[in-house]
Amino acid sequence: MQERQYAVFNWKPTNEDALKAPLADESPMSFAVEKIVLLPDTDYTAFCAGGLIQDQAFLAENRDSMWFNPAEECWHCLLVKSEASRDGILVEAEGFSYARYAAYIPDCSVLSLEGIPVQYEYPLRPPAVQQLKRSKRHDRER
């Protein structure tokens, strides 16, 4: 069984700064990452700055990957981040297409993410595909 992970979830946060300074009376809740969504750096920056309260296509597409299980007292959520960032944002949208509940994770490398599916939002491509394209281009240049 996977070790439980905990984070402080905020209701309807407006931006990343609101997540970094959670209310004093909020306590950490258990969570499970169901999918990782990687955004281009500029899109991730925009998402953190104010996109949490805006409709996001990737949240609408992944409605079935987010829910709260009261029996486990566990948030099942998406981890939204950019390829270049160490930090990320956990999102549980409650069926909406914006972040109804979210939590800030300052260092995603401490999370247990092995085997979690990854969704690359355009124009990102999986690293293996990027490497393959680079090596083919490099071969042609020789």
N, C-alpha and C. Protein backbone atom coordinates (compact mmCIF):
# COMPACT_ATOMS: atom_id res chain seq x y z
N MET A 1 0.84 -1.20 0.00
CA MET A 1 0.00 0.00 0.00
C MET A 1 0.88 1.25 0.00
N GLN A 2 0.47 2.23 -0.79
CA GLN A 2 1.23 3.46 -0.91
C GLN A 2 1.09 4.30 0.35
N GLU A 3 2.21 4.91 0.77
CA GLU A 3 2.20 5.78 1.94
C GLU A 3 1.33 7.00 1.67
N ARG A 4 0.57 7.41 2.67
CA ARG A 4 -0.31 8.57 2.50
C ARG A 4 0.50 9.85 2.39
N GLN A 5 0.01 10.74 1.54
CA GLN A 5 0.61 12.05 1.35
C GLN A 5 -0.41 13.09 1.78
N TYR A 6 0.05 14.24 2.28
CA TYR A 6 -0.85 15.25 2.80
C TYR A 6 -0.53 16.64 2.26
N ALA A 7 -1.58 17.43 2.10
CA ALA A 7 -1.44 18.82 1.67
C ALA A 7 -2.64 19.62 2.19
N VAL A 8 -2.47 20.93 2.26
CA VAL A 8 -3.56 21.81 2.67
C VAL A 8 -4.28 22.29 1.42
N PHE A 9 -5.55 21.92 1.29
CA PHE A 9 -6.38 22.30 0.14
C PHE A 9 -7.18 23.55 0.48
N ASN A 10 -7.19 24.49 -0.46
CA ASN A 10 -7.97 25.72 -0.30
C ASN A 10 -9.16 25.69 -1.25
N TRP A 11 -10.27 26.24 -0.80
CA TRP A 11 -11.48 26.30 -1.62
C TRP A 11 -11.45 27.55 -2.48
N LYS A 12 -11.62 27.37 -3.78
CA LYS A 12 -11.66 28.45 -4.77
C LYS A 12 -10.51 29.45 -4.61
N PRO A 13 -9.27 28.96 -4.67
CA PRO A 13 -8.15 29.91 -4.57
C PRO A 13 -8.08 30.77 -5.84
N THR A 14 -7.65 32.00 -5.68
CA THR A 14 -7.59 32.92 -6.82
C THR A 14 -6.26 32.82 -7.57
N ASN A 15 -5.18 32.50 -6.85
CA ASN A 15 -3.87 32.39 -7.49
C ASN A 15 -2.92 31.58 -6.61
N GLU A 16 -1.72 31.38 -7.10
CA GLU A 16 -0.73 30.58 -6.39
C GLU A 16 -0.37 31.19 -5.02
N ASP A 17 -0.33 32.51 -4.94
CA ASP A 17 0.00 33.16 -3.67
C ASP A 17 -1.00 32.79 -2.58
N ALA A 18 -2.28 32.67 -2.94
CA ALA A 18 -3.31 32.27 -1.97
C ALA A 18 -3.05 30.85 -1.48
N LEU A 19 -2.51 30.01 -2.35
CA LEU A 19 -2.21 28.63 -1.96
C LEU A 19 -0.97 28.54 -1.06
N LYS A 20 -0.04 29.45 -1.28
CA LYS A 20 1.20 29.44 -0.49
C LYS A 20 0.97 29.94 0.93
N ALA A 21 -0.10 30.67 1.17
CA ALA A 21 -0.42 31.20 2.50
C ALA A 21 -1.80 30.70 2.91
N PRO A 22 -1.93 29.37 3.19
CA PRO A 22 -3.25 28.85 3.54
C PRO A 22 -3.75 29.42 4.87
N LEU A 23 -5.03 29.35 5.05
CA LEU A 23 -5.64 29.83 6.29
C LEU A 23 -5.12 29.03 7.47
N ALA A 24 -4.98 29.68 8.60
CA ALA A 24 -4.41 29.04 9.79
C ALA A 24 -5.25 27.87 10.29
N ASP A 25 -6.56 27.91 10.08
CA ASP A 25 -7.41 26.85 10.60
C ASP A 25 -7.55 25.65 9.65
N GLU A 26 -6.91 25.70 8.50
CA GLU A 26 -6.95 24.58 7.56
C GLU A 26 -5.95 23.52 7.98
N SER A 27 -6.35 22.26 7.93
CA SER A 27 -5.42 21.19 8.26
C SER A 27 -5.12 20.36 7.02
N PRO A 28 -3.94 19.77 6.99
CA PRO A 28 -3.56 18.94 5.84
C PRO A 28 -4.52 17.77 5.66
N MET A 29 -4.81 17.48 4.40
CA MET A 29 -5.69 16.36 4.05
C MET A 29 -4.91 15.38 3.19
N SER A 30 -5.29 14.13 3.28
CA SER A 30 -4.69 13.08 2.46
C SER A 30 -5.07 13.28 1.00
N PHE A 31 -4.13 12.95 0.09
CA PHE A 31 -4.43 13.05 -1.33
C PHE A 31 -3.76 11.93 -2.10
N ALA A 32 -4.30 11.67 -3.29
CA ALA A 32 -3.72 10.71 -4.23
C ALA A 32 -3.73 11.37 -5.60
N VAL A 33 -2.58 11.41 -6.25
CA VAL A 33 -2.48 11.98 -7.59
C VAL A 33 -2.95 10.93 -8.58
N GLU A 34 -3.98 11.26 -9.35
CA GLU A 34 -4.53 10.34 -10.35
C GLU A 34 -3.89 10.55 -11.72
N LYS A 35 -3.45 11.79 -11.99
CA LYS A 35 -2.81 12.10 -13.27
C LYS A 35 -1.97 13.35 -13.09
N ILE A 36 -0.87 13.41 -13.85
CA ILE A 36 -0.02 14.59 -13.88
C ILE A 36 -0.29 15.31 -15.20
N VAL A 37 -0.55 16.61 -15.12
CA VAL A 37 -0.77 17.42 -16.32
C VAL A 37 0.40 18.39 -16.43
N LEU A 38 1.21 18.23 -17.49
CA LEU A 38 2.34 19.12 -17.72
C LEU A 38 1.95 20.20 -18.72
N LEU A 39 2.12 21.44 -18.30
CA LEU A 39 1.80 22.60 -19.14
C LEU A 39 3.09 23.24 -19.63
N PRO A 40 3.04 23.92 -20.79
CA PRO A 40 4.19 24.74 -21.18
C PRO A 40 4.45 25.77 -20.08
N ASP A 41 5.70 26.18 -19.93
CA ASP A 41 6.07 27.10 -18.84
C ASP A 41 5.20 28.35 -18.79
N THR A 42 4.95 28.96 -19.96
CA THR A 42 4.15 30.20 -19.98
C THR A 42 2.71 29.92 -19.55
N ASP A 43 2.16 28.78 -19.95
CA ASP A 43 0.79 28.43 -19.56
C ASP A 43 0.72 28.13 -18.06
N TYR A 44 1.75 27.47 -17.53
CA TYR A 44 1.77 27.18 -16.10
C TYR A 44 1.85 28.48 -15.29
N THR A 45 2.68 29.42 -15.75
CA THR A 45 2.80 30.71 -15.07
C THR A 45 1.46 31.43 -15.08
N ALA A 46 0.76 31.40 -16.21
CA ALA A 46 -0.56 32.04 -16.30
C ALA A 46 -1.58 31.33 -15.41
N PHE A 47 -1.51 29.99 -15.37
CA PHE A 47 -2.41 29.21 -14.51
C PHE A 47 -2.20 29.60 -13.05
N CYS A 48 -0.95 29.73 -12.62
CA CYS A 48 -0.64 30.10 -11.24
C CYS A 48 -1.05 31.53 -10.91
N ALA A 49 -0.93 32.42 -11.90
CA ALA A 49 -1.22 33.84 -11.67
C ALA A 49 -2.71 34.15 -11.56
N GLY A 50 -3.55 33.40 -12.19
CA GLY A 50 -4.98 33.69 -12.13
C GLY A 50 -5.83 32.65 -12.83
N GLY A 51 -5.19 31.67 -13.43
CA GLY A 51 -5.92 30.65 -14.17
C GLY A 51 -6.65 29.64 -13.31
N LEU A 52 -6.38 29.66 -12.02
CA LEU A 52 -7.07 28.73 -11.12
C LEU A 52 -8.58 28.98 -11.11
N ILE A 53 -8.97 30.24 -11.29
CA ILE A 53 -10.40 30.58 -11.24
C ILE A 53 -11.01 30.67 -12.63
N GLN A 54 -10.23 30.37 -13.65
CA GLN A 54 -10.72 30.39 -15.03
C GLN A 54 -10.96 28.97 -15.52
N ASP A 55 -11.89 28.83 -16.46
CA ASP A 55 -12.14 27.51 -17.04
C ASP A 55 -10.90 27.03 -17.77
N GLN A 56 -10.56 25.77 -17.57
CA GLN A 56 -9.40 25.15 -18.19
C GLN A 56 -9.84 23.88 -18.91
N ALA A 57 -9.50 23.76 -20.18
CA ALA A 57 -9.89 22.58 -20.96
C ALA A 57 -9.35 21.30 -20.34
N PHE A 58 -8.11 21.31 -19.84
CA PHE A 58 -7.54 20.09 -19.28
C PHE A 58 -8.25 19.65 -18.00
N LEU A 59 -8.86 20.58 -17.28
CA LEU A 59 -9.65 20.19 -16.09
C LEU A 59 -10.98 19.58 -16.52
N ALA A 60 -11.61 20.17 -17.53
CA ALA A 60 -12.87 19.62 -18.04
C ALA A 60 -12.65 18.21 -18.60
N GLU A 61 -11.55 18.02 -19.33
CA GLU A 61 -11.25 16.71 -19.91
C GLU A 61 -10.98 15.63 -18.87
N ASN A 62 -10.55 16.04 -17.70
CA ASN A 62 -10.14 15.08 -16.67
C ASN A 62 -11.09 15.05 -15.48
N ARG A 63 -12.34 15.37 -15.69
CA ARG A 63 -13.32 15.37 -14.59
C ARG A 63 -13.37 14.03 -13.85
N ASP A 64 -13.22 12.94 -14.60
CA ASP A 64 -13.31 11.62 -13.98
C ASP A 64 -12.08 11.25 -13.16
N SER A 65 -11.03 12.07 -13.22
CA SER A 65 -9.80 11.79 -12.48
C SER A 65 -9.74 12.56 -11.16
N MET A 66 -10.82 13.27 -10.82
CA MET A 66 -10.82 14.09 -9.60
C MET A 66 -12.09 13.84 -8.79
N TRP A 67 -11.90 13.52 -7.51
CA TRP A 67 -13.03 13.33 -6.61
C TRP A 67 -12.52 13.31 -5.18
N PHE A 68 -13.44 13.46 -4.23
CA PHE A 68 -13.12 13.32 -2.81
C PHE A 68 -13.78 12.05 -2.32
N ASN A 69 -13.02 11.21 -1.64
CA ASN A 69 -13.54 9.98 -1.08
C ASN A 69 -13.70 10.17 0.42
N PRO A 70 -14.94 10.35 0.91
CA PRO A 70 -15.14 10.60 2.34
C PRO A 70 -14.75 9.41 3.22
N ALA A 71 -14.90 8.19 2.72
CA ALA A 71 -14.55 7.02 3.52
C ALA A 71 -13.05 7.00 3.83
N GLU A 72 -12.22 7.40 2.85
CA GLU A 72 -10.76 7.45 3.04
C GLU A 72 -10.30 8.82 3.55
N GLU A 73 -11.22 9.81 3.48
CA GLU A 73 -10.86 11.20 3.73
C GLU A 73 -9.67 11.56 2.86
N CYS A 74 -9.83 11.33 1.55
CA CYS A 74 -8.73 11.50 0.60
C CYS A 74 -9.19 12.24 -0.65
N TRP A 75 -8.41 13.26 -1.06
CA TRP A 75 -8.64 13.98 -2.30
C TRP A 75 -7.95 13.22 -3.43
N HIS A 76 -8.67 12.83 -4.44
CA HIS A 76 -8.10 12.23 -5.65
C HIS A 76 -8.03 13.38 -6.65
N CYS A 77 -6.82 13.70 -7.12
CA CYS A 77 -6.66 14.95 -7.85
C CYS A 77 -5.63 14.87 -8.97
N LEU A 78 -5.55 15.97 -9.71
CA LEU A 78 -4.52 16.14 -10.73
C LEU A 78 -3.36 16.91 -10.11
N LEU A 79 -2.16 16.62 -10.59
CA LEU A 79 -1.00 17.44 -10.26
C LEU A 79 -0.68 18.24 -11.52
N VAL A 80 -0.81 19.56 -11.43
CA VAL A 80 -0.55 20.43 -12.57
C VAL A 80 0.80 21.10 -12.34
N LYS A 81 1.68 20.99 -13.36
CA LYS A 81 2.99 21.61 -13.25
C LYS A 81 3.55 21.86 -14.63
N SER A 82 4.72 22.49 -14.68
CA SER A 82 5.42 22.65 -15.95
C SER A 82 6.64 21.73 -15.92
N GLU A 83 7.20 21.47 -17.08
CA GLU A 83 8.37 20.60 -17.12
C GLU A 83 9.55 21.20 -16.36
N ALA A 84 9.67 22.52 -16.39
CA ALA A 84 10.82 23.17 -15.78
C ALA A 84 10.65 23.44 -14.28
N SER A 85 9.45 23.37 -13.78
CA SER A 85 9.22 23.74 -12.38
C SER A 85 9.41 22.55 -11.43
N ARG A 86 9.84 22.86 -10.24
CA ARG A 86 9.91 21.85 -9.17
C ARG A 86 8.57 21.82 -8.43
N ASP A 87 7.88 22.97 -8.43
CA ASP A 87 6.62 23.06 -7.71
C ASP A 87 5.46 22.60 -8.59
N GLY A 88 4.30 22.47 -7.97
CA GLY A 88 3.10 22.07 -8.69
C GLY A 88 1.87 22.41 -7.88
N ILE A 89 0.73 22.22 -8.51
CA ILE A 89 -0.54 22.50 -7.85
C ILE A 89 -1.44 21.30 -7.98
N LEU A 90 -1.93 20.81 -6.85
CA LEU A 90 -2.91 19.73 -6.84
C LEU A 90 -4.28 20.36 -7.06
N VAL A 91 -5.09 19.76 -7.92
CA VAL A 91 -6.41 20.32 -8.23
C VAL A 91 -7.47 19.24 -8.14
N GLU A 92 -8.56 19.57 -7.46
CA GLU A 92 -9.78 18.75 -7.46
C GLU A 92 -10.89 19.72 -7.84
N ALA A 93 -11.48 19.53 -9.00
CA ALA A 93 -12.41 20.51 -9.56
C ALA A 93 -13.89 20.24 -9.26
N GLU A 94 -14.21 19.15 -8.59
CA GLU A 94 -15.61 18.83 -8.25
C GLU A 94 -16.52 18.84 -9.47
N GLY A 95 -16.03 18.41 -10.61
CA GLY A 95 -16.85 18.36 -11.81
C GLY A 95 -16.88 19.64 -12.61
N PHE A 96 -16.27 20.69 -12.10
CA PHE A 96 -16.21 21.96 -12.81
C PHE A 96 -14.95 21.99 -13.68
N SER A 97 -14.74 23.06 -14.42
CA SER A 97 -13.55 23.17 -15.27
C SER A 97 -12.58 24.22 -14.73
N TYR A 98 -12.72 24.55 -13.45
CA TYR A 98 -11.76 25.42 -12.77
C TYR A 98 -11.43 24.79 -11.42
N ALA A 99 -10.40 25.27 -10.78
CA ALA A 99 -9.93 24.66 -9.53
C ALA A 99 -10.85 25.02 -8.36
N ARG A 100 -11.74 24.12 -8.01
CA ARG A 100 -12.60 24.34 -6.83
C ARG A 100 -11.78 24.18 -5.56
N TYR A 101 -10.94 23.15 -5.53
CA TYR A 101 -10.02 22.92 -4.41
C TYR A 101 -8.63 22.76 -4.98
N ALA A 102 -7.64 23.37 -4.34
CA ALA A 102 -6.27 23.26 -4.82
C ALA A 102 -5.30 23.35 -3.65
N ALA A 103 -4.13 22.78 -3.86
CA ALA A 103 -3.06 22.80 -2.85
C ALA A 103 -1.73 23.02 -3.56
N TYR A 104 -0.88 23.80 -2.94
CA TYR A 104 0.44 24.10 -3.49
C TYR A 104 1.45 23.06 -2.99
N ILE A 105 2.25 22.54 -3.91
CA ILE A 105 3.32 21.61 -3.57
C ILE A 105 4.64 22.28 -3.98
N PRO A 106 5.48 22.68 -3.02
CA PRO A 106 6.70 23.41 -3.36
C PRO A 106 7.77 22.55 -4.06
N ASP A 107 7.78 21.25 -3.80
CA ASP A 107 8.78 20.37 -4.40
C ASP A 107 8.13 19.03 -4.74
N CYS A 108 7.78 18.86 -6.00
CA CYS A 108 7.07 17.65 -6.43
C CYS A 108 7.95 16.40 -6.37
N SER A 109 9.26 16.57 -6.25
CA SER A 109 10.15 15.40 -6.20
C SER A 109 9.95 14.59 -4.91
N VAL A 110 9.30 15.18 -3.91
CA VAL A 110 9.06 14.44 -2.66
C VAL A 110 7.78 13.59 -2.74
N LEU A 111 7.01 13.74 -3.81
CA LEU A 111 5.76 12.99 -3.96
C LEU A 111 6.03 11.60 -4.54
N SER A 112 5.18 10.65 -4.19
CA SER A 112 5.23 9.31 -4.78
C SER A 112 4.41 9.35 -6.06
N LEU A 113 5.10 9.41 -7.21
CA LEU A 113 4.42 9.57 -8.49
C LEU A 113 4.69 8.43 -9.47
N GLU A 114 5.33 7.39 -9.00
CA GLU A 114 5.66 6.27 -9.88
C GLU A 114 4.39 5.63 -10.43
N GLY A 115 4.35 5.45 -11.74
CA GLY A 115 3.21 4.80 -12.39
C GLY A 115 2.02 5.70 -12.64
N ILE A 116 2.12 6.98 -12.28
CA ILE A 116 1.01 7.92 -12.50
C ILE A 116 1.04 8.37 -13.96
N PRO A 117 -0.10 8.30 -14.67
CA PRO A 117 -0.11 8.74 -16.07
C PRO A 117 0.16 10.24 -16.19
N VAL A 118 0.80 10.60 -17.31
CA VAL A 118 1.15 12.00 -17.57
C VAL A 118 0.44 12.46 -18.84
N GLN A 119 -0.18 13.62 -18.76
CA GLN A 119 -0.83 14.25 -19.92
C GLN A 119 -0.01 15.48 -20.28
N TYR A 120 0.51 15.50 -21.50
CA TYR A 120 1.29 16.63 -21.99
C TYR A 120 0.37 17.55 -22.77
N GLU A 121 0.25 18.79 -22.32
CA GLU A 121 -0.58 19.77 -23.01
C GLU A 121 0.24 20.42 -24.10
N TYR A 122 -0.35 20.59 -25.27
CA TYR A 122 0.32 21.20 -26.41
C TYR A 122 0.89 22.55 -26.01
N PRO A 123 2.07 22.92 -26.43
CA PRO A 123 2.94 22.26 -27.41
C PRO A 123 3.98 21.33 -26.79
N LEU A 124 3.84 20.97 -25.53
CA LEU A 124 4.80 20.04 -24.93
C LEU A 124 4.71 18.67 -25.59
N ARG A 125 5.81 17.99 -25.61
CA ARG A 125 5.84 16.62 -26.09
C ARG A 125 6.56 15.79 -25.04
N PRO A 126 6.24 14.51 -24.96
CA PRO A 126 6.95 13.66 -23.99
C PRO A 126 8.47 13.75 -24.25
N PRO A 127 9.28 13.73 -23.20
CA PRO A 127 10.72 13.86 -23.36
C PRO A 127 11.32 12.86 -24.34
N ALA A 128 10.85 11.63 -24.39
CA ALA A 128 11.40 10.63 -25.31
C ALA A 128 11.20 11.07 -26.76
N VAL A 129 10.05 11.65 -27.07
CA VAL A 129 9.77 12.12 -28.42
C VAL A 129 10.68 13.30 -28.75
N GLN A 130 10.86 14.22 -27.81
CA GLN A 130 11.74 15.35 -28.03
C GLN A 130 13.17 14.86 -28.28
N GLN A 131 13.62 13.90 -27.49
CA GLN A 131 14.97 13.38 -27.65
C GLN A 131 15.13 12.70 -29.00
N LEU A 132 14.13 11.93 -29.41
CA LEU A 132 14.17 11.25 -30.70
C LEU A 132 14.28 12.27 -31.83
N LYS A 133 13.48 13.33 -31.78
CA LYS A 133 13.53 14.36 -32.82
C LYS A 133 14.89 15.02 -32.86
N ARG A 134 15.48 15.30 -31.68
CA ARG A 134 16.79 15.92 -31.63
C ARG A 134 17.85 15.00 -32.23
N SER A 135 17.79 13.70 -31.91
CA SER A 135 18.80 12.78 -32.41
C SER A 135 18.68 12.61 -33.92
N LYS A 136 17.46 12.60 -34.47
CA LYS A 136 17.28 12.51 -35.93
C LYS A 136 17.83 13.76 -36.60
N ARG A 137 17.55 14.93 -36.01
CA ARG A 137 18.04 16.17 -36.57
C ARG A 137 19.57 16.18 -36.52
N HIS A 138 20.13 15.70 -35.42
CA HIS A 138 21.59 15.64 -35.25
C HIS A 138 22.21 14.71 -36.29
N ASP A 139 21.57 13.56 -36.56
CA ASP A 139 22.07 12.62 -37.56
C ASP A 139 22.08 13.25 -38.95
N ARG A 140 21.03 14.02 -39.28
CA ARG A 140 20.96 14.66 -40.60
C ARG A 140 22.03 15.72 -40.76
N GLU A 141 22.40 16.38 -39.65
CA GLU A 141 23.38 17.45 -39.70
C GLU A 141 24.80 16.92 -39.90
N ARG A 142 25.03 15.66 -39.61
CA ARG A 142 26.38 15.09 -39.75
C ARG A 142 26.79 14.91 -41.17
